Amino acid sequence: MTLPGFYDTVKSLNQVVEVDYYLPGCPPPAKTVASAIDAISSGKLPKKGSVLGIEKSVCDECPRKKEEKKINKIYRVYEITPEPKNVF
């Protein structure tokens, strides 16, 4: 058994595959998941690519800069001390 190779970039899911619907949140609130299940079971889904739930998430409020990032090296937990600016 072998591990797959790593890529030098991180991409969001919709940059790799087509996404039918978005459930915002990390994790999405139970109420949002329940509403999505209700919409699926009743056949009352909006057009593909729609957001099922509120369109604002915790990520929208995060002060961290969203930009393309490259992974230069993977460290084990004991090998480095995180920089305070990179800690949540």
PDB file of N, CA and C in Angstrom:
ATOM      1  N   MET A   1       0.839  -1.163   0.000  1.00  0.00           N
ATOM      2  CA  MET A   1       0.000   0.000   0.000  1.00  0.00           C
ATOM      3  C   MET A   1       0.891   1.236   0.000  1.00  0.00           C
ATOM      4  N   THR A   2       0.539   2.227  -0.809  1.00  0.00           N
ATOM      5  CA  THR A   2       1.312   3.475  -0.861  1.00  0.00           C
ATOM      6  C   THR A   2       0.380   4.668  -0.739  1.00  0.00           C
ATOM      7  N   LEU A   3       0.938   5.765  -0.277  1.00  0.00           N
ATOM      8  CA  LEU A   3       0.183   7.008  -0.202  1.00  0.00           C
ATOM      9  C   LEU A   3       0.252   7.719  -1.542  1.00  0.00           C
ATOM     10  N   PRO A   4      -0.820   8.422  -1.919  1.00  0.00           N
ATOM     11  CA  PRO A   4      -0.754   9.194  -3.165  1.00  0.00           C
ATOM     12  C   PRO A   4       0.182  10.379  -3.006  1.00  0.00           C
ATOM     13  N   GLY A   5       0.639  10.920  -4.099  1.00  0.00           N
ATOM     14  CA  GLY A   5       1.522  12.083  -4.045  1.00  0.00           C
ATOM     15  C   GLY A   5       0.769  13.330  -3.634  1.00  0.00           C
ATOM     16  N   PHE A   6       1.488  14.313  -3.097  1.00  0.00           N
ATOM     17  CA  PHE A   6       0.891  15.573  -2.706  1.00  0.00           C
ATOM     18  C   PHE A   6       1.032  16.585  -3.834  1.00  0.00           C
ATOM     19  N   TYR A   7       0.061  17.484  -3.941  1.00  0.00           N
ATOM     20  CA  TYR A   7       0.141  18.590  -4.895  1.00  0.00           C
ATOM     21  C   TYR A   7       0.757  19.789  -4.190  1.00  0.00           C
ATOM     22  N   ASP A   8       1.270  20.736  -4.952  1.00  0.00           N
ATOM     23  CA  ASP A   8       1.883  21.912  -4.337  1.00  0.00           C
ATOM     24  C   ASP A   8       0.882  23.048  -4.103  1.00  0.00           C
ATOM     25  N   THR A   9      -0.397  22.822  -4.399  1.00  0.00           N
ATOM     26  CA  THR A   9      -1.426  23.828  -4.139  1.00  0.00           C
ATOM     27  C   THR A   9      -2.620  23.176  -3.458  1.00  0.00           C
ATOM     28  N   VAL A  10      -3.385  24.001  -2.768  1.00  0.00           N
ATOM     29  CA  VAL A  10      -4.621  23.551  -2.137  1.00  0.00           C
ATOM     30  C   VAL A  10      -5.757  24.216  -2.881  1.00  0.00           C
ATOM     31  N   LYS A  11      -6.753  23.450  -3.256  1.00  0.00           N
ATOM     32  CA  LYS A  11      -7.884  23.993  -4.002  1.00  0.00           C
ATOM     33  C   LYS A  11      -9.177  23.718  -3.256  1.00  0.00           C
ATOM     34  N   SER A  12     -10.157  24.587  -3.484  1.00  0.00           N
ATOM     35  CA  SER A  12     -11.479  24.338  -2.923  1.00  0.00           C
ATOM     36  C   SER A  12     -12.142  23.242  -3.759  1.00  0.00           C
ATOM     37  N   LEU A  13     -13.138  22.608  -3.196  1.00  0.00           N
ATOM     38  CA  LEU A  13     -13.792  21.491  -3.868  1.00  0.00           C
ATOM     39  C   LEU A  13     -14.314  21.878  -5.245  1.00  0.00           C
ATOM     40  N   ASN A  14     -14.942  23.061  -5.364  1.00  0.00           N
ATOM     41  CA  ASN A  14     -15.518  23.456  -6.649  1.00  0.00           C
ATOM     42  C   ASN A  14     -14.457  23.820  -7.692  1.00  0.00           C
ATOM     43  N   GLN A  15     -13.205  23.900  -7.310  1.00  0.00           N
ATOM     44  CA  GLN A  15     -12.133  24.086  -8.286  1.00  0.00           C
ATOM     45  C   GLN A  15     -11.688  22.748  -8.872  1.00  0.00           C
ATOM     46  N   VAL A  16     -12.159  21.650  -8.278  1.00  0.00           N
ATOM     47  CA  VAL A  16     -11.742  20.320  -8.718  1.00  0.00           C
ATOM     48  C   VAL A  16     -12.896  19.563  -9.384  1.00  0.00           C
ATOM     49  N   VAL A  17     -14.079  19.659  -8.797  1.00  0.00           N
ATOM     50  CA  VAL A  17     -15.256  18.964  -9.335  1.00  0.00           C
ATOM     51  C   VAL A  17     -16.451  19.909  -9.356  1.00  0.00           C
ATOM     52  N   GLU A  18     -17.448  19.583 -10.156  1.00  0.00           N
ATOM     53  CA  GLU A  18     -18.670  20.377 -10.194  1.00  0.00           C
ATOM     54  C   GLU A  18     -19.447  20.148  -8.894  1.00  0.00           C
ATOM     55  N   VAL A  19     -19.901  21.231  -8.289  1.00  0.00           N
ATOM     56  CA  VAL A  19     -20.648  21.157  -7.034  1.00  0.00           C
ATOM     57  C   VAL A  19     -22.101  21.499  -7.315  1.00  0.00           C
ATOM     58  N   ASP A  20     -23.018  20.620  -6.899  1.00  0.00           N
ATOM     59  CA  ASP A  20     -24.441  20.865  -7.127  1.00  0.00           C
ATOM     60  C   ASP A  20     -24.987  21.944  -6.202  1.00  0.00           C
ATOM     61  N   TYR A  21     -24.705  21.835  -4.900  1.00  0.00           N
ATOM     62  CA  TYR A  21     -25.227  22.774  -3.911  1.00  0.00           C
ATOM     63  C   TYR A  21     -24.202  23.007  -2.820  1.00  0.00           C
ATOM     64  N   TYR A  22     -24.281  24.176  -2.195  1.00  0.00           N
ATOM     65  CA  TYR A  22     -23.369  24.533  -1.117  1.00  0.00           C
ATOM     66  C   TYR A  22     -24.134  24.603   0.196  1.00  0.00           C
ATOM     67  N   LEU A  23     -23.560  24.041   1.235  1.00  0.00           N
ATOM     68  CA  LEU A  23     -24.077  24.159   2.595  1.00  0.00           C
ATOM     69  C   LEU A  23     -23.007  24.896   3.384  1.00  0.00           C
ATOM     70  N   PRO A  24     -23.183  26.206   3.613  1.00  0.00           N
ATOM     71  CA  PRO A  24     -22.140  26.962   4.301  1.00  0.00           C
ATOM     72  C   PRO A  24     -22.016  26.588   5.766  1.00  0.00           C
ATOM     73  N   GLY A  25     -20.830  26.788   6.279  1.00  0.00           N
ATOM     74  CA  GLY A  25     -20.552  26.517   7.679  1.00  0.00           C
ATOM     75  C   GLY A  25     -19.503  25.448   7.819  1.00  0.00           C
ATOM     76  N   CYS A  26     -18.867  25.431   8.944  1.00  0.00           N
ATOM     77  CA  CYS A  26     -17.813  24.457   9.184  1.00  0.00           C
ATOM     78  C   CYS A  26     -17.895  23.995  10.632  1.00  0.00           C
ATOM     79  N   PRO A  27     -18.743  23.050  10.905  1.00  0.00           N
ATOM     80  CA  PRO A  27     -19.681  22.356  10.022  1.00  0.00           C
ATOM     81  C   PRO A  27     -20.948  23.185   9.827  1.00  0.00           C
ATOM     82  N   PRO A  28     -21.749  22.832   8.816  1.00  0.00           N
ATOM     83  CA  PRO A  28     -23.019  23.547   8.629  1.00  0.00           C
ATOM     84  C   PRO A  28     -23.920  23.322   9.845  1.00  0.00           C
ATOM     85  N   PRO A  29     -24.675  24.349  10.250  1.00  0.00           N
ATOM     86  CA  PRO A  29     -25.584  24.168  11.387  1.00  0.00           C
ATOM     87  C   PRO A  29     -26.619  23.080  11.084  1.00  0.00           C
ATOM     88  N   ALA A  30     -27.054  22.381  12.115  1.00  0.00           N
ATOM     89  CA  ALA A  30     -28.021  21.289  11.951  1.00  0.00           C
ATOM     90  C   ALA A  30     -29.285  21.769  11.237  1.00  0.00           C
ATOM     91  N   LYS A  31     -29.720  22.993  11.529  1.00  0.00           N
ATOM     92  CA  LYS A  31     -30.925  23.537  10.893  1.00  0.00           C
ATOM     93  C   LYS A  31     -30.733  23.661   9.369  1.00  0.00           C
ATOM     94  N   THR A  32     -29.547  24.064   8.952  1.00  0.00           N
ATOM     95  CA  THR A  32     -29.245  24.182   7.522  1.00  0.00           C
ATOM     96  C   THR A  32     -29.250  22.810   6.856  1.00  0.00           C
ATOM     97  N   VAL A  33     -28.646  21.822   7.503  1.00  0.00           N
ATOM     98  CA  VAL A  33     -28.620  20.462   6.961  1.00  0.00           C
ATOM     99  C   VAL A  33     -30.040  19.911   6.863  1.00  0.00           C
ATOM    100  N   ALA A  34     -30.846  20.133   7.907  1.00  0.00           N
ATOM    101  CA  ALA A  34     -32.237  19.655   7.894  1.00  0.00           C
ATOM    102  C   ALA A  34     -33.026  20.314   6.772  1.00  0.00           C
ATOM    103  N   SER A  35     -32.829  21.601   6.558  1.00  0.00           N
ATOM    104  CA  SER A  35     -33.524  22.303   5.469  1.00  0.00           C
ATOM    105  C   SER A  35     -33.115  21.747   4.105  1.00  0.00           C
ATOM    106  N   ALA A  36     -31.837  21.434   3.951  1.00  0.00           N
ATOM    107  CA  ALA A  36     -31.359  20.870   2.687  1.00  0.00           C
ATOM    108  C   ALA A  36     -31.978  19.491   2.447  1.00  0.00           C
ATOM    109  N   ILE A  37     -32.041  18.677   3.492  1.00  0.00           N
ATOM    110  CA  ILE A  37     -32.647  17.343   3.360  1.00  0.00           C
ATOM    111  C   ILE A  37     -34.122  17.464   3.003  1.00  0.00           C
ATOM    112  N   ASP A  38     -34.818  18.421   3.633  1.00  0.00           N
ATOM    113  CA  ASP A  38     -36.226  18.657   3.301  1.00  0.00           C
ATOM    114  C   ASP A  38     -36.386  19.061   1.835  1.00  0.00           C
ATOM    115  N   ALA A  39     -35.519  19.945   1.352  1.00  0.00           N
ATOM    116  CA  ALA A  39     -35.587  20.393  -0.040  1.00  0.00           C
ATOM    117  C   ALA A  39     -35.336  19.237  -1.002  1.00  0.00           C
ATOM    118  N   ILE A  40     -34.382  18.376  -0.670  1.00  0.00           N
ATOM    119  CA  ILE A  40     -34.082  17.219  -1.523  1.00  0.00           C
ATOM    120  C   ILE A  40     -35.257  16.250  -1.540  1.00  0.00           C
ATOM    121  N   SER A  41     -35.794  15.940  -0.365  1.00  0.00           N
ATOM    122  CA  SER A  41     -36.869  14.947  -0.284  1.00  0.00           C
ATOM    123  C   SER A  41     -38.166  15.452  -0.906  1.00  0.00           C
ATOM    124  N   SER A  42     -38.391  16.766  -0.902  1.00  0.00           N
ATOM    125  CA  SER A  42     -39.624  17.310  -1.485  1.00  0.00           C
ATOM    126  C   SER A  42     -39.460  17.643  -2.963  1.00  0.00           C
ATOM    127  N   GLY A  43     -38.226  17.577  -3.463  1.00  0.00           N
ATOM    128  CA  GLY A  43     -37.976  17.890  -4.871  1.00  0.00           C
ATOM    129  C   GLY A  43     -38.031  19.380  -5.152  1.00  0.00           C
ATOM    130  N   LYS A  44     -37.902  20.203  -4.133  1.00  0.00           N
ATOM    131  CA  LYS A  44     -37.981  21.657  -4.285  1.00  0.00           C
ATOM    132  C   LYS A  44     -36.596  22.290  -4.179  1.00  0.00           C
ATOM    133  N   LEU A  45     -35.701  21.843  -5.022  1.00  0.00           N
ATOM    134  CA  LEU A  45     -34.334  22.363  -5.004  1.00  0.00           C
ATOM    135  C   LEU A  45     -34.199  23.542  -5.960  1.00  0.00           C
ATOM    136  N   PRO A  46     -33.400  24.530  -5.589  1.00  0.00           N
ATOM    137  CA  PRO A  46     -33.124  25.632  -6.524  1.00  0.00           C
ATOM    138  C   PRO A  46     -32.164  25.156  -7.615  1.00  0.00           C
ATOM    139  N   LYS A  47     -31.784  26.060  -8.506  1.00  0.00           N
ATOM    140  CA  LYS A  47     -30.869  25.673  -9.582  1.00  0.00           C
ATOM    141  C   LYS A  47     -29.527  25.228  -9.007  1.00  0.00           C
ATOM    142  N   LYS A  48     -28.837  24.382  -9.757  1.00  0.00           N
ATOM    143  CA  LYS A  48     -27.533  23.881  -9.312  1.00  0.00           C
ATOM    144  C   LYS A  48     -26.574  25.035  -9.093  1.00  0.00           C
ATOM    145  N   GLY A  49     -25.723  24.870  -8.086  1.00  0.00           N
ATOM    146  CA  GLY A  49     -24.753  25.903  -7.739  1.00  0.00           C
ATOM    147  C   GLY A  49     -25.264  26.860  -6.678  1.00  0.00           C
ATOM    148  N   SER A  50     -26.521  26.696  -6.269  1.00  0.00           N
ATOM    149  CA  SER A  50     -27.106  27.576  -5.258  1.00  0.00           C
ATOM    150  C   SER A  50     -26.592  27.236  -3.863  1.00  0.00           C
ATOM    151  N   VAL A  51     -26.694  28.218  -2.981  1.00  0.00           N
ATOM    152  CA  VAL A  51     -26.346  28.031  -1.580  1.00  0.00           C
ATOM    153  C   VAL A  51     -27.625  27.691  -0.835  1.00  0.00           C
ATOM    154  N   LEU A  52     -27.622  26.552  -0.144  1.00  0.00           N
ATOM    155  CA  LEU A  52     -28.781  26.151   0.650  1.00  0.00           C
ATOM    156  C   LEU A  52     -28.548  26.611   2.075  1.00  0.00           C
ATOM    157  N   GLY A  53     -29.096  27.714   2.431  1.00  0.00           N
ATOM    158  CA  GLY A  53     -28.890  28.295   3.755  1.00  0.00           C
ATOM    159  C   GLY A  53     -28.439  29.726   3.621  1.00  0.00           C
ATOM    160  N   ILE A  54     -27.976  30.287   4.714  1.00  0.00           N
ATOM    161  CA  ILE A  54     -27.495  31.661   4.655  1.00  0.00           C
ATOM    162  C   ILE A  54     -26.198  31.704   3.857  1.00  0.00           C
ATOM    163  N   GLU A  55     -25.952  32.788   3.179  1.00  0.00           N
ATOM    164  CA  GLU A  55     -24.771  32.874   2.326  1.00  0.00           C
ATOM    165  C   GLU A  55     -23.546  33.421   3.046  1.00  0.00           C
ATOM    166  N   LYS A  56     -23.660  33.691   4.337  1.00  0.00           N
ATOM    167  CA  LYS A  56     -22.521  34.195   5.101  1.00  0.00           C
ATOM    168  C   LYS A  56     -22.038  33.095   6.032  1.00  0.00           C
ATOM    169  N   SER A  57     -20.751  32.906   6.099  1.00  0.00           N
ATOM    170  CA  SER A  57     -20.187  31.872   6.968  1.00  0.00           C
ATOM    171  C   SER A  57     -19.098  32.477   7.848  1.00  0.00           C
ATOM    172  N   VAL A  58     -18.581  31.681   8.739  1.00  0.00           N
ATOM    173  CA  VAL A  58     -17.495  32.119   9.618  1.00  0.00           C
ATOM    174  C   VAL A  58     -16.300  32.560   8.781  1.00  0.00           C
ATOM    175  N   CYS A  59     -16.070  31.892   7.665  1.00  0.00           N
ATOM    176  CA  CYS A  59     -14.933  32.244   6.804  1.00  0.00           C
ATOM    177  C   CYS A  59     -15.058  33.670   6.268  1.00  0.00           C
ATOM    178  N   ASP A  60     -16.291  34.141   6.059  1.00  0.00           N
ATOM    179  CA  ASP A  60     -16.494  35.506   5.563  1.00  0.00           C
ATOM    180  C   ASP A  60     -16.027  36.541   6.571  1.00  0.00           C
ATOM    181  N   GLU A  61     -16.040  36.201   7.840  1.00  0.00           N
ATOM    182  CA  GLU A  61     -15.652  37.134   8.898  1.00  0.00           C
ATOM    183  C   GLU A  61     -14.190  36.986   9.301  1.00  0.00           C
ATOM    184  N   CYS A  62     -13.510  35.984   8.765  1.00  0.00           N
ATOM    185  CA  CYS A  62     -12.126  35.718   9.142  1.00  0.00           C
ATOM    186  C   CYS A  62     -11.204  36.819   8.602  1.00  0.00           C
ATOM    187  N   PRO A  63     -10.313  37.350   9.454  1.00  0.00           N
ATOM    188  CA  PRO A  63      -9.416  38.406   9.007  1.00  0.00           C
ATOM    189  C   PRO A  63      -8.243  37.903   8.159  1.00  0.00           C
ATOM    190  N   ARG A  64      -8.082  36.588   8.066  1.00  0.00           N
ATOM    191  CA  ARG A  64      -6.943  36.057   7.311  1.00  0.00           C
ATOM    192  C   ARG A  64      -7.125  36.348   5.828  1.00  0.00           C
ATOM    193  N   LYS A  65      -6.047  36.613   5.152  1.00  0.00           N
ATOM    194  CA  LYS A  65      -6.072  36.949   3.735  1.00  0.00           C
ATOM    195  C   LYS A  65      -6.294  35.677   2.915  1.00  0.00           C
ATOM    196  N   LYS A  66      -7.268  35.724   2.013  1.00  0.00           N
ATOM    197  CA  LYS A  66      -7.562  34.572   1.155  1.00  0.00           C
ATOM    198  C   LYS A  66      -6.787  34.744  -0.148  1.00  0.00           C
ATOM    199  N   GLU A  67      -5.841  33.882  -0.364  1.00  0.00           N
ATOM    200  CA  GLU A  67      -5.019  33.935  -1.571  1.00  0.00           C
ATOM    201  C   GLU A  67      -4.525  32.538  -1.886  1.00  0.00           C
ATOM    202  N   GLU A  68      -4.035  32.359  -3.088  1.00  0.00           N
ATOM    203  CA  GLU A  68      -3.486  31.059  -3.455  1.00  0.00           C
ATOM    204  C   GLU A  68      -2.232  30.815  -2.628  1.00  0.00           C
ATOM    205  N   LYS A  69      -2.164  29.657  -2.019  1.00  0.00           N
ATOM    206  CA  LYS A  69      -1.011  29.332  -1.174  1.00  0.00           C
ATOM    207  C   LYS A  69      -0.361  28.052  -1.669  1.00  0.00           C
ATOM    208  N   LYS A  70       0.927  27.986  -1.559  1.00  0.00           N
ATOM    209  CA  LYS A  70       1.686  26.801  -1.954  1.00  0.00           C
ATOM    210  C   LYS A  70       2.256  26.135  -0.702  1.00  0.00           C
ATOM    211  N   ILE A  71       2.267  24.828  -0.706  1.00  0.00           N
ATOM    212  CA  ILE A  71       2.849  24.075   0.395  1.00  0.00           C
ATOM    213  C   ILE A  71       4.309  23.828   0.048  1.00  0.00           C
ATOM    214  N   ASN A  72       5.206  24.413   0.842  1.00  0.00           N
ATOM    215  CA  ASN A  72       6.640  24.255   0.580  1.00  0.00           C
ATOM    216  C   ASN A  72       7.211  23.028   1.271  1.00  0.00           C
ATOM    217  N   LYS A  73       6.688  22.742   2.457  1.00  0.00           N
ATOM    218  CA  LYS A  73       7.193  21.616   3.225  1.00  0.00           C
ATOM    219  C   LYS A  73       6.128  21.207   4.225  1.00  0.00           C
ATOM    220  N   ILE A  74       6.030  19.933   4.486  1.00  0.00           N
ATOM    221  CA  ILE A  74       5.102  19.424   5.489  1.00  0.00           C
ATOM    222  C   ILE A  74       5.916  19.095   6.741  1.00  0.00           C
ATOM    223  N   TYR A  75       5.481  19.658   7.863  1.00  0.00           N
ATOM    224  CA  TYR A  75       6.177  19.454   9.129  1.00  0.00           C
ATOM    225  C   TYR A  75       5.376  18.527  10.036  1.00  0.00           C
ATOM    226  N   ARG A  76       6.061  17.802  10.876  1.00  0.00           N
ATOM    227  CA  ARG A  76       5.412  17.049  11.942  1.00  0.00           C
ATOM    228  C   ARG A  76       5.161  18.027  13.091  1.00  0.00           C
ATOM    229  N   VAL A  77       4.173  17.741  13.920  1.00  0.00           N
ATOM    230  CA  VAL A  77       3.758  18.651  14.980  1.00  0.00           C
ATOM    231  C   VAL A  77       4.928  19.076  15.867  1.00  0.00           C
ATOM    232  N   TYR A  78       5.811  18.182  16.171  1.00  0.00           N
ATOM    233  CA  TYR A  78       6.913  18.484  17.081  1.00  0.00           C
ATOM    234  C   TYR A  78       8.071  19.233  16.411  1.00  0.00           C
ATOM    235  N   GLU A  79       8.044  19.412  15.105  1.00  0.00           N
ATOM    236  CA  GLU A  79       9.170  20.015  14.400  1.00  0.00           C
ATOM    237  C   GLU A  79       9.175  21.542  14.402  1.00  0.00           C
ATOM    238  N   ILE A  80       8.031  22.174  14.577  1.00  0.00           N
ATOM    239  CA  ILE A  80       7.982  23.640  14.526  1.00  0.00           C
ATOM    240  C   ILE A  80       7.053  24.190  15.601  1.00  0.00           C
ATOM    241  N   THR A  81       7.214  25.463  15.862  1.00  0.00           N
ATOM    242  CA  THR A  81       6.285  26.195  16.718  1.00  0.00           C
ATOM    243  C   THR A  81       5.545  27.157  15.803  1.00  0.00           C
ATOM    244  N   PRO A  82       4.190  27.130  15.795  1.00  0.00           N
ATOM    245  CA  PRO A  82       3.452  28.012  14.895  1.00  0.00           C
ATOM    246  C   PRO A  82       3.719  29.482  15.200  1.00  0.00           C
ATOM    247  N   GLU A  83       3.719  30.286  14.151  1.00  0.00           N
ATOM    248  CA  GLU A  83       3.851  31.725  14.317  1.00  0.00           C
ATOM    249  C   GLU A  83       2.509  32.263  14.802  1.00  0.00           C
ATOM    250  N   PRO A  84       2.497  33.167  15.778  1.00  0.00           N
ATOM    251  CA  PRO A  84       1.232  33.677  16.321  1.00  0.00           C
ATOM    252  C   PRO A  84       0.291  34.243  15.257  1.00  0.00           C
ATOM    253  N   LYS A  85       0.812  34.858  14.211  1.00  0.00           N
ATOM    254  CA  LYS A  85      -0.053  35.444  13.183  1.00  0.00           C
ATOM    255  C   LYS A  85      -0.778  34.377  12.380  1.00  0.00           C
ATOM    256  N   ASN A  86      -0.312  33.126  12.407  1.00  0.00           N
ATOM    257  CA  ASN A  86      -0.942  32.048  11.643  1.00  0.00           C
ATOM    258  C   ASN A  86      -1.841  31.166  12.486  1.00  0.00           C
ATOM    259  N   VAL A  87      -2.008  31.510  13.753  1.00  0.00           N
ATOM    260  CA  VAL A  87      -2.840  30.711  14.648  1.00  0.00           C
ATOM    261  C   VAL A  87      -4.227  31.331  14.692  1.00  0.00           C
ATOM    262  N   PHE A  88      -5.254  30.499  14.715  1.00  0.00           N
ATOM    263  CA  PHE A  88      -6.620  31.004  14.720  1.00  0.00           C
ATOM    264  C   PHE A  88      -6.922  31.770  15.964  1.00  0.00           C
TER     265      PHE A  88
END
